[in-house]
């Protein structure tokens, strides 16, 4: 915890990743948007985490189980992730960003969009959108703890069905357009 203060006191931004932002002084629930740090880059995910669609689908647990990287049974790991995801779904509903009845399985695009809109409600000075999230990729780009067991940084960017997405295609992808619009709307009042 002191590292954040140390960096801030020296004018250096930190990083806040949504999945790790929780109320450490309270019950561990997702940290309300208004309590996030101002001097940081905020993102839903990062290169060492699965894309959001993959996380919501439990793809990372399947992969880590397949690679022998889990330290507890896969069912336990999935249950923990589901509870964490449900807490975030509740926070999104509380914030008015996700309708009742929309869940992480059937409404993955709505959830990903709501999570990025949530970033826009934080006081964070910088916001980030993962390219993998922009196109609905589910596969992990980098799997920590592996060298040759997984093709780190060699997985072609793909859509939710795993079809390769070319750079030119991103500009016409409706999912990417919706997320970019949400991010633009979030920062417009700040500039």
Protein backbone atom coordinates (compact mmCIF):
# COMPACT_ATOMS: atom_id res chain seq x y z
CA UNK A 1 0.00 0.00 0.00
CA UNK A 2 2.82 2.49 0.69
CA UNK A 3 4.05 2.15 -2.88
CA UNK A 4 0.97 3.97 -4.22
CA UNK A 5 1.59 6.92 -1.89
CA UNK A 6 5.30 6.92 -2.72
CA UNK A 7 4.63 7.05 -6.47
CA UNK A 8 1.90 9.67 -6.14
CA UNK A 9 4.12 11.91 -4.01
CA UNK A 10 6.65 11.87 -6.85
CA UNK A 11 4.13 12.60 -9.58
CA UNK A 12 4.13 9.07 -10.99
CA UNK A 13 0.92 7.41 -12.08
CA UNK A 14 0.03 3.95 -10.91
CA UNK A 15 -2.16 1.33 -12.53
CA UNK A 16 -5.59 0.22 -11.36
CA UNK A 17 -7.00 -2.98 -12.84
CA UNK A 18 -10.73 -3.36 -12.29
CA UNK A 19 -10.64 -6.99 -11.18
CA UNK A 20 -8.25 -6.07 -8.35
CA UNK A 21 -9.99 -2.92 -7.16
CA UNK A 22 -11.77 -3.93 -3.98
CA UNK A 23 -12.61 -2.37 -0.65
CA UNK A 24 -9.68 -3.67 1.38
CA UNK A 25 -10.86 -1.75 4.46
CA UNK A 26 -14.38 -3.16 4.28
CA UNK A 27 -15.89 -6.41 3.12
CA UNK A 28 -13.72 -6.85 0.02
CA UNK A 29 -16.56 -5.85 -2.32
CA UNK A 30 -15.71 -4.06 -5.58
CA UNK A 31 -14.41 -0.58 -4.89
CA UNK A 32 -17.05 2.01 -5.82
CA UNK A 33 -15.97 4.05 -8.85
CA UNK A 34 -15.79 7.31 -6.94
CA UNK A 35 -13.18 5.84 -4.57
CA UNK A 36 -10.67 4.87 -7.26
CA UNK A 37 -7.38 6.73 -7.49
CA UNK A 38 -7.15 9.81 -9.66
CA UNK A 39 -3.49 9.57 -10.63
CA UNK A 40 -3.47 6.24 -12.40
CA UNK A 41 -4.15 4.41 -15.62
CA UNK A 42 -7.31 2.35 -15.12
CA UNK A 43 -8.21 -0.70 -17.18
CA UNK A 44 -10.53 -3.67 -16.95
CA UNK A 45 -7.79 -6.17 -17.76
CA UNK A 46 -4.11 -6.38 -18.58
CA UNK A 47 -1.76 -8.50 -20.70
CA UNK A 48 -1.19 -10.96 -17.85
CA UNK A 49 -4.91 -11.59 -17.38
CA UNK A 50 -7.33 -13.19 -19.81
CA UNK A 51 -9.39 -10.92 -22.04
CA UNK A 52 -12.60 -10.00 -20.24
CA UNK A 53 -14.79 -12.30 -22.37
CA UNK A 54 -12.43 -15.18 -21.59
CA UNK A 55 -12.45 -14.39 -17.88
CA UNK A 56 -16.24 -14.25 -17.81
CA UNK A 57 -16.41 -17.62 -19.59
CA UNK A 58 -13.87 -19.27 -17.27
CA UNK A 59 -11.50 -19.86 -20.18
CA UNK A 60 -8.48 -18.99 -18.04
CA UNK A 61 -9.35 -21.70 -15.50
CA UNK A 62 -9.75 -24.28 -18.26
CA UNK A 63 -6.37 -23.27 -19.72
CA UNK A 64 -4.53 -23.22 -16.40
CA UNK A 65 -6.06 -26.59 -15.50
CA UNK A 66 -4.95 -28.01 -18.85
CA UNK A 67 -1.42 -26.67 -18.25
CA UNK A 68 -1.26 -27.98 -14.68
CA UNK A 69 -0.96 -24.48 -13.19
CA UNK A 70 -3.87 -24.58 -10.74
CA UNK A 71 -3.13 -24.84 -7.02
CA UNK A 72 -6.66 -25.97 -6.17
CA UNK A 73 -9.34 -27.97 -8.02
CA UNK A 74 -10.78 -26.35 -11.15
CA UNK A 75 -14.31 -26.40 -9.72
CA UNK A 76 -13.12 -24.46 -6.67
CA UNK A 77 -11.26 -21.98 -8.86
CA UNK A 78 -14.33 -21.46 -11.05
CA UNK A 79 -16.58 -21.01 -8.02
CA UNK A 80 -14.28 -18.32 -6.64
CA UNK A 81 -14.21 -16.53 -9.98
CA UNK A 82 -17.99 -16.74 -10.34
CA UNK A 83 -18.45 -15.18 -6.89
CA UNK A 84 -16.02 -12.39 -7.83
CA UNK A 85 -17.81 -11.82 -11.12
CA UNK A 86 -21.21 -11.77 -9.40
CA UNK A 87 -19.95 -9.11 -7.00
CA UNK A 88 -18.94 -6.99 -9.99
CA UNK A 89 -22.29 -7.61 -11.73
CA UNK A 90 -24.02 -6.37 -8.55
CA UNK A 91 -21.81 -3.26 -8.53
CA UNK A 92 -22.60 -2.59 -12.20
CA UNK A 93 -26.32 -2.91 -11.42
CA UNK A 94 -25.97 -0.64 -8.38
CA UNK A 95 -24.28 1.93 -10.64
CA UNK A 96 -27.12 1.66 -13.18
CA UNK A 97 -24.83 0.29 -15.89
CA UNK A 98 -26.24 -3.24 -16.22
CA UNK A 99 -29.87 -4.32 -16.37
CA UNK A 100 -31.23 -7.01 -14.09
CA UNK A 101 -31.27 -10.35 -15.83
CA UNK A 102 -28.14 -9.68 -17.89
CA UNK A 103 -25.45 -12.14 -16.92
CA UNK A 104 -21.83 -12.80 -17.79
CA UNK A 105 -22.65 -15.86 -19.90
CA UNK A 106 -25.46 -14.75 -22.21
CA UNK A 107 -24.79 -11.02 -22.05
CA UNK A 108 -21.02 -10.95 -22.33
CA UNK A 109 -20.93 -7.96 -24.71
CA UNK A 110 -23.25 -5.96 -22.43
CA UNK A 111 -21.13 -6.83 -19.39
CA UNK A 112 -17.86 -5.89 -21.12
CA UNK A 113 -19.40 -2.59 -22.23
CA UNK A 114 -20.73 -1.89 -18.71
CA UNK A 115 -17.33 -2.61 -17.17
CA UNK A 116 -15.68 -0.09 -19.49
CA UNK A 117 -18.39 2.48 -18.80
CA UNK A 118 -17.68 1.91 -15.11
CA UNK A 119 -14.07 2.93 -15.70
CA UNK A 120 -15.43 6.19 -17.04
CA UNK A 121 -17.06 6.88 -13.70
CA UNK A 122 -13.78 6.72 -11.84
CA UNK A 123 -11.66 9.83 -11.27
CA UNK A 124 -8.73 8.11 -13.02
CA UNK A 125 -6.85 10.47 -15.31
CA UNK A 126 -6.08 7.77 -17.88
CA UNK A 127 -8.32 4.97 -19.14
CA UNK A 128 -7.29 1.97 -21.20
CA UNK A 129 -9.15 -0.36 -23.53
CA UNK A 130 -7.57 -3.70 -24.35
CA UNK A 131 -7.47 -4.54 -28.05
CA UNK A 132 -8.49 -8.09 -27.12
CA UNK A 133 -11.58 -6.75 -25.33
CA UNK A 134 -12.38 -4.49 -28.27
CA UNK A 135 -12.84 -7.47 -30.60
CA UNK A 136 -14.25 -9.99 -28.10
CA UNK A 137 -11.18 -12.24 -27.95
CA UNK A 138 -11.42 -15.00 -25.34
CA UNK A 139 -7.93 -16.48 -25.61
CA UNK A 140 -5.16 -15.37 -23.31
CA UNK A 141 -2.29 -13.54 -25.01
CA UNK A 142 0.21 -14.30 -22.24
CA UNK A 143 -0.02 -17.04 -19.62
CA UNK A 144 2.25 -16.25 -16.66
CA UNK A 145 4.13 -19.26 -15.35
CA UNK A 146 4.75 -20.73 -18.79
CA UNK A 147 7.57 -20.63 -21.29
CA UNK A 148 7.08 -23.34 -23.91
CA UNK A 149 3.78 -24.74 -22.60
CA UNK A 150 1.72 -21.93 -24.14
CA UNK A 151 2.30 -19.77 -27.26
CA UNK A 152 2.74 -16.52 -25.33
CA UNK A 153 2.52 -13.42 -27.52
CA UNK A 154 1.95 -15.58 -30.60
CA UNK A 155 -1.82 -16.01 -30.41
CA UNK A 156 -3.32 -14.10 -33.36
CA UNK A 157 -5.96 -11.59 -32.32
CA UNK A 158 -9.36 -13.19 -32.81
CA UNK A 159 -13.07 -12.62 -32.47
CA UNK A 160 -15.26 -14.56 -30.00
CA UNK A 161 -15.26 -17.57 -32.34
CA UNK A 162 -11.46 -17.53 -32.65
CA UNK A 163 -11.40 -16.20 -36.21
CA UNK A 164 -8.42 -13.98 -36.88
CA UNK A 165 -9.13 -10.23 -36.75
CA UNK A 166 -6.94 -8.02 -38.91
CA UNK A 167 -6.01 -4.51 -37.87
CA UNK A 168 -8.10 -3.06 -40.71
CA UNK A 169 -11.15 -4.95 -39.45
CA UNK A 170 -11.05 -3.37 -36.00
CA UNK A 171 -12.17 -0.02 -37.40
CA UNK A 172 -15.42 -1.52 -38.70
CA UNK A 173 -16.09 -3.92 -35.82
CA UNK A 174 -19.35 -2.93 -34.05
CA UNK A 175 -18.10 -4.23 -30.69
CA UNK A 176 -14.93 -2.15 -30.92
CA UNK A 177 -16.94 0.89 -32.04
CA UNK A 178 -19.30 0.61 -29.05
CA UNK A 179 -16.44 0.29 -26.58
CA UNK A 180 -14.51 3.19 -28.15
CA UNK A 181 -17.65 5.33 -28.03
CA UNK A 182 -18.13 4.48 -24.34
CA UNK A 183 -14.53 5.43 -23.59
CA UNK A 184 -14.80 8.67 -25.60
CA UNK A 185 -18.00 9.60 -23.78
CA UNK A 186 -16.28 8.94 -20.46
CA UNK A 187 -13.34 11.23 -21.13
CA UNK A 188 -15.13 13.99 -23.08
CA UNK A 189 -16.32 15.85 -19.97
CA UNK A 190 -12.78 15.74 -18.53
CA UNK A 191 -10.98 17.52 -21.37
